[in-house]
N, C-alpha and C. Protein backbone atom coordinates (compact mmCIF):
# COMPACT_ATOMS: atom_id res chain seq x y z
N MET A 1 82.15 149.44 145.80
CA MET A 1 83.09 150.40 146.34
C MET A 1 83.27 150.12 147.82
N LYS A 2 84.51 150.06 148.24
CA LYS A 2 84.83 149.83 149.65
C LYS A 2 84.90 151.18 150.36
N ILE A 3 84.16 151.29 151.47
CA ILE A 3 84.00 152.57 152.16
C ILE A 3 84.35 152.45 153.63
N VAL A 4 85.01 153.49 154.14
CA VAL A 4 85.25 153.64 155.57
C VAL A 4 84.39 154.81 156.04
N VAL A 5 83.66 154.63 157.11
CA VAL A 5 82.88 155.71 157.72
C VAL A 5 83.63 156.16 158.96
N VAL A 6 83.82 157.47 159.06
CA VAL A 6 84.53 158.04 160.21
C VAL A 6 83.50 158.75 161.08
N GLY A 7 83.29 158.22 162.27
CA GLY A 7 82.33 158.79 163.21
C GLY A 7 81.17 157.84 163.43
N PRO A 8 81.15 157.13 164.56
CA PRO A 8 80.08 156.18 164.84
C PRO A 8 78.87 156.79 165.55
N GLY A 9 78.79 158.11 165.55
CA GLY A 9 77.68 158.78 166.22
C GLY A 9 76.44 158.87 165.34
N ALA A 10 75.55 159.79 165.67
CA ALA A 10 74.25 159.90 165.01
C ALA A 10 74.36 160.06 163.50
N PHE A 11 75.26 160.92 163.03
CA PHE A 11 75.38 161.13 161.59
C PHE A 11 76.04 159.94 160.90
N GLY A 12 77.02 159.34 161.54
CA GLY A 12 77.63 158.14 160.98
C GLY A 12 76.62 157.03 160.83
N ILE A 13 75.78 156.86 161.83
CA ILE A 13 74.74 155.83 161.78
C ILE A 13 73.75 156.11 160.67
N LYS A 14 73.41 157.38 160.44
CA LYS A 14 72.51 157.72 159.33
C LYS A 14 73.12 157.28 158.00
N HIS A 15 74.40 157.52 157.85
CA HIS A 15 75.07 157.09 156.62
C HIS A 15 75.10 155.57 156.51
N LEU A 16 75.39 154.89 157.61
CA LEU A 16 75.41 153.42 157.59
C LEU A 16 74.05 152.86 157.22
N ASP A 17 72.98 153.48 157.73
CA ASP A 17 71.63 153.04 157.37
C ASP A 17 71.39 153.20 155.87
N GLY A 18 71.87 154.28 155.30
CA GLY A 18 71.69 154.50 153.87
C GLY A 18 72.57 153.58 153.04
N LEU A 19 73.81 153.40 153.46
CA LEU A 19 74.75 152.58 152.69
C LEU A 19 74.32 151.13 152.59
N LYS A 20 73.62 150.62 153.57
CA LYS A 20 73.20 149.22 153.50
C LYS A 20 72.15 149.00 152.40
N ASN A 21 71.60 150.10 151.86
CA ASN A 21 70.64 150.01 150.76
C ASN A 21 71.29 150.13 149.39
N ILE A 22 72.60 150.28 149.34
CA ILE A 22 73.30 150.43 148.07
C ILE A 22 74.11 149.16 147.83
N ASP A 23 73.70 148.37 146.85
CA ASP A 23 74.33 147.08 146.60
C ASP A 23 75.83 147.19 146.34
N SER A 24 76.26 148.24 145.68
CA SER A 24 77.67 148.36 145.31
C SER A 24 78.53 148.96 146.42
N ALA A 25 77.92 149.30 147.56
CA ALA A 25 78.67 149.88 148.68
C ALA A 25 78.97 148.80 149.70
N GLU A 26 80.25 148.70 150.06
CA GLU A 26 80.68 147.76 151.08
C GLU A 26 81.43 148.54 152.16
N VAL A 27 80.83 148.65 153.34
CA VAL A 27 81.49 149.36 154.43
C VAL A 27 82.51 148.41 155.03
N VAL A 28 83.80 148.76 154.88
CA VAL A 28 84.88 147.88 155.32
C VAL A 28 85.56 148.36 156.59
N GLY A 29 85.18 149.56 157.06
CA GLY A 29 85.80 150.05 158.28
C GLY A 29 84.99 151.16 158.92
N LEU A 30 85.14 151.27 160.23
CA LEU A 30 84.50 152.32 161.01
C LEU A 30 85.55 152.90 161.94
N VAL A 31 85.64 154.23 161.96
CA VAL A 31 86.63 154.92 162.79
C VAL A 31 85.92 155.67 163.90
N GLY A 32 86.41 155.53 165.13
CA GLY A 32 85.88 156.27 166.26
C GLY A 32 86.91 156.35 167.36
N ARG A 33 86.80 157.37 168.19
CA ARG A 33 87.77 157.56 169.29
C ARG A 33 87.60 156.54 170.40
N ASP A 34 86.36 156.17 170.66
CA ASP A 34 86.05 155.21 171.73
C ASP A 34 85.93 153.82 171.10
N ALA A 35 86.96 152.99 171.33
CA ALA A 35 87.02 151.68 170.68
C ALA A 35 85.80 150.81 171.00
N ALA A 36 85.34 150.83 172.24
CA ALA A 36 84.21 149.98 172.63
C ALA A 36 82.93 150.42 171.93
N LYS A 37 82.66 151.72 171.92
CA LYS A 37 81.46 152.24 171.25
C LYS A 37 81.53 151.97 169.75
N THR A 38 82.70 152.19 169.18
CA THR A 38 82.89 151.97 167.75
C THR A 38 82.69 150.50 167.40
N GLN A 39 83.22 149.62 168.23
CA GLN A 39 83.07 148.18 167.99
C GLN A 39 81.60 147.77 168.09
N ALA A 40 80.86 148.35 169.03
CA ALA A 40 79.43 148.02 169.17
C ALA A 40 78.66 148.40 167.90
N VAL A 41 78.94 149.57 167.36
CA VAL A 41 78.27 149.99 166.12
C VAL A 41 78.72 149.10 164.97
N ALA A 42 80.01 148.80 164.90
CA ALA A 42 80.53 147.93 163.84
C ALA A 42 79.86 146.55 163.90
N ASP A 43 79.69 146.02 165.09
CA ASP A 43 79.03 144.72 165.24
C ASP A 43 77.59 144.78 164.74
N GLU A 44 76.90 145.86 165.06
CA GLU A 44 75.50 146.01 164.65
C GLU A 44 75.37 146.05 163.13
N TYR A 45 76.34 146.63 162.43
CA TYR A 45 76.29 146.78 160.98
C TYR A 45 77.20 145.80 160.25
N ALA A 46 77.76 144.82 160.96
CA ALA A 46 78.64 143.81 160.37
C ALA A 46 79.82 144.44 159.62
N ILE A 47 80.43 145.42 160.23
CA ILE A 47 81.60 146.08 159.65
C ILE A 47 82.84 145.35 160.16
N PRO A 48 83.69 144.85 159.27
CA PRO A 48 84.78 143.98 159.69
C PRO A 48 85.95 144.65 160.41
N ASN A 49 86.18 145.95 160.17
CA ASN A 49 87.35 146.60 160.75
C ASN A 49 86.98 147.83 161.56
N VAL A 50 87.60 147.95 162.73
CA VAL A 50 87.40 149.11 163.60
C VAL A 50 88.76 149.78 163.79
N TYR A 51 88.76 151.09 163.65
CA TYR A 51 90.00 151.87 163.82
C TYR A 51 89.75 152.99 164.83
N THR A 52 90.80 153.36 165.55
CA THR A 52 90.69 154.49 166.47
C THR A 52 91.38 155.73 165.91
N SER A 53 91.93 155.63 164.70
CA SER A 53 92.50 156.82 164.06
C SER A 53 92.23 156.78 162.57
N LEU A 54 92.02 157.94 162.00
CA LEU A 54 91.82 158.04 160.56
C LEU A 54 93.06 157.56 159.82
N GLU A 55 94.23 157.92 160.33
CA GLU A 55 95.48 157.54 159.67
C GLU A 55 95.59 156.03 159.49
N GLU A 56 95.19 155.29 160.50
CA GLU A 56 95.21 153.83 160.42
C GLU A 56 94.24 153.33 159.35
N ALA A 57 93.05 153.91 159.31
CA ALA A 57 92.04 153.51 158.33
C ALA A 57 92.48 153.83 156.90
N LEU A 58 93.21 154.92 156.72
CA LEU A 58 93.65 155.32 155.38
C LEU A 58 94.67 154.35 154.80
N GLU A 59 95.26 153.51 155.62
CA GLU A 59 96.19 152.49 155.14
C GLU A 59 95.46 151.27 154.58
N SER A 60 94.15 151.21 154.77
CA SER A 60 93.36 150.07 154.28
C SER A 60 93.17 150.19 152.76
N ASP A 61 92.54 149.16 152.19
CA ASP A 61 92.29 149.18 150.75
C ASP A 61 90.95 149.82 150.40
N ALA A 62 90.40 150.61 151.30
CA ALA A 62 89.13 151.30 151.03
C ALA A 62 89.30 152.25 149.85
N ASP A 63 88.21 152.42 149.09
CA ASP A 63 88.20 153.34 147.96
C ASP A 63 87.78 154.74 148.39
N ALA A 64 86.94 154.81 149.41
CA ALA A 64 86.32 156.08 149.78
C ALA A 64 86.15 156.19 151.29
N VAL A 65 86.02 157.43 151.74
CA VAL A 65 85.83 157.73 153.15
C VAL A 65 84.67 158.71 153.28
N ILE A 66 83.80 158.45 154.23
CA ILE A 66 82.72 159.39 154.56
C ILE A 66 83.03 159.96 155.94
N LEU A 67 83.17 161.28 156.01
CA LEU A 67 83.52 161.95 157.26
C LEU A 67 82.27 162.45 157.97
N CYS A 68 82.01 161.91 159.14
CA CYS A 68 80.87 162.29 159.98
C CYS A 68 81.43 162.69 161.34
N THR A 69 82.31 163.66 161.33
CA THR A 69 83.05 164.07 162.51
C THR A 69 82.72 165.52 162.84
N PRO A 70 83.22 166.03 163.97
CA PRO A 70 82.97 167.44 164.30
C PRO A 70 83.53 168.38 163.22
N THR A 71 82.83 169.46 163.00
CA THR A 71 83.16 170.42 161.94
C THR A 71 84.62 170.82 161.93
N GLN A 72 85.18 171.11 163.07
CA GLN A 72 86.56 171.62 163.10
C GLN A 72 87.57 170.59 162.61
N MET A 73 87.16 169.34 162.42
CA MET A 73 88.06 168.29 161.93
C MET A 73 87.91 168.07 160.42
N HIS A 74 86.84 168.55 159.82
CA HIS A 74 86.52 168.20 158.44
C HIS A 74 87.62 168.51 157.44
N ALA A 75 88.12 169.72 157.42
CA ALA A 75 89.09 170.12 156.38
C ALA A 75 90.36 169.28 156.47
N ALA A 76 90.95 169.18 157.64
CA ALA A 76 92.20 168.42 157.78
C ALA A 76 91.98 166.95 157.43
N GLN A 77 90.83 166.40 157.84
CA GLN A 77 90.56 165.00 157.52
C GLN A 77 90.31 164.79 156.03
N ALA A 78 89.59 165.71 155.40
CA ALA A 78 89.35 165.61 153.96
C ALA A 78 90.66 165.65 153.20
N ILE A 79 91.55 166.54 153.60
CA ILE A 79 92.86 166.64 152.94
C ILE A 79 93.66 165.36 153.14
N ALA A 80 93.64 164.80 154.34
CA ALA A 80 94.35 163.54 154.60
C ALA A 80 93.81 162.43 153.71
N CYS A 81 92.49 162.37 153.55
CA CYS A 81 91.88 161.34 152.69
C CYS A 81 92.32 161.51 151.25
N MET A 82 92.29 162.74 150.76
CA MET A 82 92.70 162.98 149.38
C MET A 82 94.17 162.67 149.17
N LYS A 83 95.02 163.02 150.13
CA LYS A 83 96.45 162.70 150.03
C LYS A 83 96.66 161.19 149.97
N ALA A 84 95.78 160.44 150.61
CA ALA A 84 95.87 158.98 150.59
C ALA A 84 95.24 158.39 149.32
N GLY A 85 94.73 159.25 148.44
CA GLY A 85 94.14 158.79 147.19
C GLY A 85 92.73 158.25 147.32
N LYS A 86 92.04 158.63 148.39
CA LYS A 86 90.68 158.15 148.63
C LYS A 86 89.67 159.19 148.17
N HIS A 87 88.54 158.72 147.64
CA HIS A 87 87.39 159.60 147.42
C HIS A 87 86.91 160.00 148.82
N VAL A 88 86.35 161.19 148.94
CA VAL A 88 85.91 161.62 150.26
C VAL A 88 84.58 162.36 150.17
N GLN A 89 83.69 162.03 151.08
CA GLN A 89 82.43 162.74 151.24
C GLN A 89 82.45 163.34 152.63
N VAL A 90 82.09 164.62 152.72
CA VAL A 90 82.16 165.35 153.97
C VAL A 90 80.77 165.80 154.38
N GLU A 91 80.40 165.50 155.61
CA GLU A 91 79.17 166.05 156.17
C GLU A 91 79.32 167.58 156.21
N ILE A 92 78.22 168.29 156.13
CA ILE A 92 78.29 169.75 156.15
C ILE A 92 78.65 170.24 157.54
N PRO A 93 79.35 171.34 157.62
CA PRO A 93 80.02 172.09 156.55
C PRO A 93 81.39 171.49 156.24
N LEU A 94 81.94 171.84 155.08
CA LEU A 94 83.25 171.35 154.68
C LEU A 94 84.33 171.78 155.65
N ALA A 95 84.23 173.00 156.14
CA ALA A 95 85.25 173.55 157.04
C ALA A 95 84.61 174.62 157.90
N ASP A 96 85.34 175.02 158.93
CA ASP A 96 84.80 176.10 159.77
C ASP A 96 85.44 177.44 159.43
N SER A 97 86.21 177.48 158.34
CA SER A 97 86.72 178.77 157.85
C SER A 97 86.82 178.72 156.33
N TRP A 98 86.71 179.88 155.72
CA TRP A 98 86.83 179.98 154.26
C TRP A 98 88.21 179.49 153.82
N GLU A 99 89.24 179.83 154.57
CA GLU A 99 90.60 179.45 154.21
C GLU A 99 90.76 177.92 154.17
N ASP A 100 90.20 177.24 155.16
CA ASP A 100 90.29 175.78 155.20
C ASP A 100 89.52 175.15 154.04
N ALA A 101 88.37 175.71 153.71
CA ALA A 101 87.59 175.20 152.58
C ALA A 101 88.37 175.38 151.28
N GLN A 102 89.01 176.54 151.12
CA GLN A 102 89.82 176.80 149.93
C GLN A 102 90.99 175.82 149.85
N GLU A 103 91.59 175.51 151.00
CA GLU A 103 92.70 174.56 151.02
C GLU A 103 92.24 173.18 150.54
N CYS A 104 91.05 172.78 150.94
CA CYS A 104 90.50 171.50 150.47
C CYS A 104 90.32 171.52 148.96
N LEU A 105 89.74 172.59 148.45
CA LEU A 105 89.52 172.70 147.02
C LEU A 105 90.84 172.70 146.26
N GLU A 106 91.83 173.41 146.76
CA GLU A 106 93.15 173.44 146.11
C GLU A 106 93.81 172.07 146.13
N MET A 107 93.61 171.31 147.19
CA MET A 107 94.17 169.96 147.28
C MET A 107 93.49 169.05 146.26
N TRP A 108 92.19 169.21 146.10
CA TRP A 108 91.41 168.34 145.23
C TRP A 108 91.63 168.63 143.75
N GLN A 109 91.84 169.89 143.37
CA GLN A 109 91.92 170.26 141.95
C GLN A 109 92.87 169.38 141.14
N PRO A 110 94.12 169.20 141.54
CA PRO A 110 95.00 168.35 140.72
C PRO A 110 94.65 166.86 140.80
N LEU A 111 93.99 166.43 141.87
CA LEU A 111 93.66 165.03 142.05
C LEU A 111 92.48 164.59 141.20
N LYS A 112 91.60 165.53 140.85
CA LYS A 112 90.41 165.15 140.10
C LYS A 112 90.77 164.59 138.73
N ILE A 113 91.93 164.96 138.22
CA ILE A 113 92.40 164.43 136.94
C ILE A 113 92.57 162.92 137.04
N ASN A 114 92.97 162.44 138.21
CA ASN A 114 93.15 161.00 138.44
C ASN A 114 91.88 160.33 138.94
N GLY A 115 90.77 161.04 138.92
CA GLY A 115 89.50 160.45 139.29
C GLY A 115 89.13 160.56 140.75
N VAL A 116 89.94 161.21 141.58
CA VAL A 116 89.60 161.37 142.99
C VAL A 116 88.45 162.37 143.10
N LYS A 117 87.42 162.00 143.82
CA LYS A 117 86.26 162.87 143.98
C LYS A 117 86.16 163.36 145.42
N MET A 118 85.79 164.62 145.55
CA MET A 118 85.48 165.19 146.86
C MET A 118 84.05 165.67 146.76
N GLN A 119 83.23 165.34 147.72
CA GLN A 119 81.83 165.73 147.67
C GLN A 119 81.39 166.19 149.04
N LEU A 120 80.71 167.30 149.04
CA LEU A 120 80.16 167.85 150.27
C LEU A 120 78.68 167.54 150.28
N GLU A 121 78.23 166.90 151.33
CA GLU A 121 76.80 166.60 151.41
C GLU A 121 76.05 167.89 151.69
N ILE A 122 75.20 168.25 150.76
CA ILE A 122 74.37 169.44 150.90
C ILE A 122 72.96 169.04 150.53
N TYR A 123 72.02 169.41 151.32
CA TYR A 123 70.65 169.16 150.94
C TYR A 123 69.77 170.32 151.38
N LEU A 124 68.82 170.64 150.54
CA LEU A 124 67.90 171.74 150.81
C LEU A 124 66.49 171.18 150.79
N PRO A 125 65.96 170.82 151.93
CA PRO A 125 64.65 170.17 151.97
C PRO A 125 63.53 170.97 151.30
N SER A 126 63.67 172.27 151.24
CA SER A 126 62.60 173.07 150.66
C SER A 126 62.70 173.22 149.15
N ASN A 127 63.77 172.69 148.52
CA ASN A 127 63.95 172.92 147.09
C ASN A 127 64.42 171.66 146.38
N PRO A 128 63.51 170.71 146.09
CA PRO A 128 63.94 169.48 145.44
C PRO A 128 64.33 169.65 143.97
N LEU A 129 63.92 170.73 143.34
CA LEU A 129 64.27 170.96 141.94
C LEU A 129 65.28 172.09 141.87
N THR A 130 66.50 171.79 142.22
CA THR A 130 67.55 172.78 142.30
C THR A 130 67.93 173.31 140.92
N PRO A 131 67.90 174.63 140.72
CA PRO A 131 68.31 175.19 139.43
C PRO A 131 69.76 174.85 139.13
N GLY A 132 70.05 174.61 137.87
CA GLY A 132 71.42 174.35 137.46
C GLY A 132 71.80 172.88 137.48
N ARG A 133 70.91 172.03 137.94
CA ARG A 133 71.20 170.60 137.97
C ARG A 133 71.07 170.06 136.55
N PRO A 134 72.09 169.31 136.07
CA PRO A 134 72.03 168.79 134.71
C PRO A 134 70.80 167.91 134.50
N ALA A 135 70.28 167.94 133.28
CA ALA A 135 69.05 167.22 132.95
C ALA A 135 69.20 165.72 133.11
N ASN A 136 70.41 165.17 132.94
CA ASN A 136 70.58 163.72 133.02
C ASN A 136 70.79 163.22 134.44
N THR A 137 70.58 164.06 135.44
CA THR A 137 70.69 163.60 136.82
C THR A 137 69.30 163.45 137.39
N ARG A 138 69.20 162.59 138.38
CA ARG A 138 67.91 162.43 139.03
C ARG A 138 68.13 162.46 140.53
N LEU A 139 67.17 162.98 141.22
CA LEU A 139 67.25 163.04 142.67
C LEU A 139 66.10 162.21 143.24
N ALA A 140 66.41 161.41 144.25
CA ALA A 140 65.37 160.62 144.88
C ALA A 140 64.49 161.48 145.78
N GLY A 141 64.94 162.66 146.08
CA GLY A 141 64.18 163.56 146.94
C GLY A 141 64.93 164.86 147.05
N PRO A 142 64.71 165.60 148.12
CA PRO A 142 65.37 166.89 148.28
C PRO A 142 66.88 166.75 148.15
N GLY A 143 67.48 167.64 147.42
CA GLY A 143 68.92 167.56 147.25
C GLY A 143 69.44 168.69 146.41
N ILE A 144 70.73 168.74 146.28
CA ILE A 144 71.36 169.73 145.43
C ILE A 144 72.51 169.07 144.70
N TYR A 145 72.65 169.36 143.43
CA TYR A 145 73.74 168.81 142.64
C TYR A 145 74.96 169.70 142.83
N CYS A 146 76.10 169.14 143.09
CA CYS A 146 77.33 169.89 143.36
C CYS A 146 78.31 169.67 142.22
N PRO A 147 78.20 170.41 141.11
CA PRO A 147 79.03 170.14 139.94
C PRO A 147 80.52 170.34 140.19
N ASN A 148 80.91 171.20 141.12
CA ASN A 148 82.32 171.46 141.36
C ASN A 148 82.95 170.49 142.34
N LEU A 149 82.14 169.67 142.99
CA LEU A 149 82.67 168.81 144.04
C LEU A 149 82.66 167.33 143.69
N GLY A 150 82.03 166.95 142.61
CA GLY A 150 82.02 165.55 142.25
C GLY A 150 80.65 165.11 141.79
N SER A 151 80.53 163.88 141.36
CA SER A 151 79.28 163.45 140.75
C SER A 151 78.41 162.60 141.66
N TYR A 152 78.94 162.08 142.76
CA TYR A 152 78.14 161.26 143.65
C TYR A 152 77.31 162.15 144.56
N LEU A 153 76.02 161.97 144.51
CA LEU A 153 75.13 162.79 145.33
C LEU A 153 74.30 161.86 146.20
N TYR A 154 74.29 162.14 147.45
CA TYR A 154 73.59 161.33 148.43
C TYR A 154 72.55 162.21 149.08
N THR A 155 71.30 161.84 148.99
CA THR A 155 70.27 162.66 149.61
C THR A 155 69.72 161.94 150.82
N ARG A 156 69.32 162.71 151.79
CA ARG A 156 68.83 162.12 153.02
C ARG A 156 67.62 162.93 153.49
N PHE A 157 66.63 162.24 153.97
CA PHE A 157 65.47 162.88 154.56
C PHE A 157 65.61 162.72 156.07
N SER A 158 65.59 163.79 156.82
CA SER A 158 65.79 163.64 158.26
C SER A 158 65.13 164.80 158.99
N SER A 159 64.44 164.50 160.06
CA SER A 159 63.87 165.57 160.87
C SER A 159 64.93 166.13 161.81
N SER A 160 65.86 165.29 162.22
CA SER A 160 66.98 165.71 163.05
C SER A 160 67.99 164.58 163.05
N ALA A 161 69.16 164.84 163.60
CA ALA A 161 70.19 163.81 163.61
C ALA A 161 69.75 162.56 164.34
N LEU A 162 68.94 162.70 165.36
CA LEU A 162 68.49 161.54 166.11
C LEU A 162 67.02 161.22 165.90
N GLY A 163 66.33 162.03 165.08
CA GLY A 163 64.91 161.82 164.85
C GLY A 163 64.66 160.70 163.85
N SER A 164 63.40 160.43 163.62
CA SER A 164 63.07 159.39 162.65
C SER A 164 63.36 159.90 161.25
N SER A 165 63.81 158.99 160.40
CA SER A 165 64.10 159.38 159.03
C SER A 165 64.13 158.16 158.15
N THR A 166 64.06 158.40 156.87
CA THR A 166 64.35 157.36 155.89
C THR A 166 65.49 157.87 155.05
N THR A 167 66.27 156.98 154.53
CA THR A 167 67.44 157.37 153.75
C THR A 167 67.27 156.87 152.34
N SER A 168 67.63 157.70 151.39
CA SER A 168 67.52 157.32 150.00
C SER A 168 68.83 157.57 149.28
N PRO A 169 69.54 156.52 148.89
CA PRO A 169 70.78 156.72 148.14
C PRO A 169 70.46 157.09 146.70
N ASN A 170 71.33 157.85 146.08
CA ASN A 170 71.09 158.27 144.72
C ASN A 170 72.41 158.55 144.03
N LEU A 171 72.55 158.09 142.82
CA LEU A 171 73.73 158.43 142.03
C LEU A 171 73.34 159.50 141.03
N ALA A 172 74.11 160.54 140.96
CA ALA A 172 73.91 161.57 139.96
C ALA A 172 75.12 161.53 139.04
N THR A 173 74.89 161.50 137.76
CA THR A 173 76.01 161.46 136.82
C THR A 173 76.06 162.75 136.04
N ARG A 174 77.26 163.10 135.68
CA ARG A 174 77.43 164.33 134.88
C ARG A 174 77.07 164.06 133.45
């Protein structure tokens, strides 16, 4: 799967660290406002394309986008990704208002028929055995299964955004 990561900061780097452990994941682009900083991170992770706007990145042949941007940008960016036919994973929270979150869900509902997935990264470090998780899914560690948002679940162990951590990718199937 070809992936674009949006946000070369601490959370974007955490995702890049995890993605390099997934054989089927190919990070093909990195989006950031500061071209020099974004290029430096791209060089460190051997990412071939650097973009300074999400719109430019959405024109690429990427299959999916991971949003690691400020909260107030999440909903509009998630909607733009879905309109472009891309799978999208959003760092928490999905939106900074209930209305924006509902708009994302309404945008995604008709697209899921065509296989477009929207997933919100949610993890609960204190509850690795989340009630309601289907029996055929497995979690590499603390996590929560999001049946209404899609089947790809990514769990991360982290003391803080900049603290030491290990990353564990995980696929959960319905």
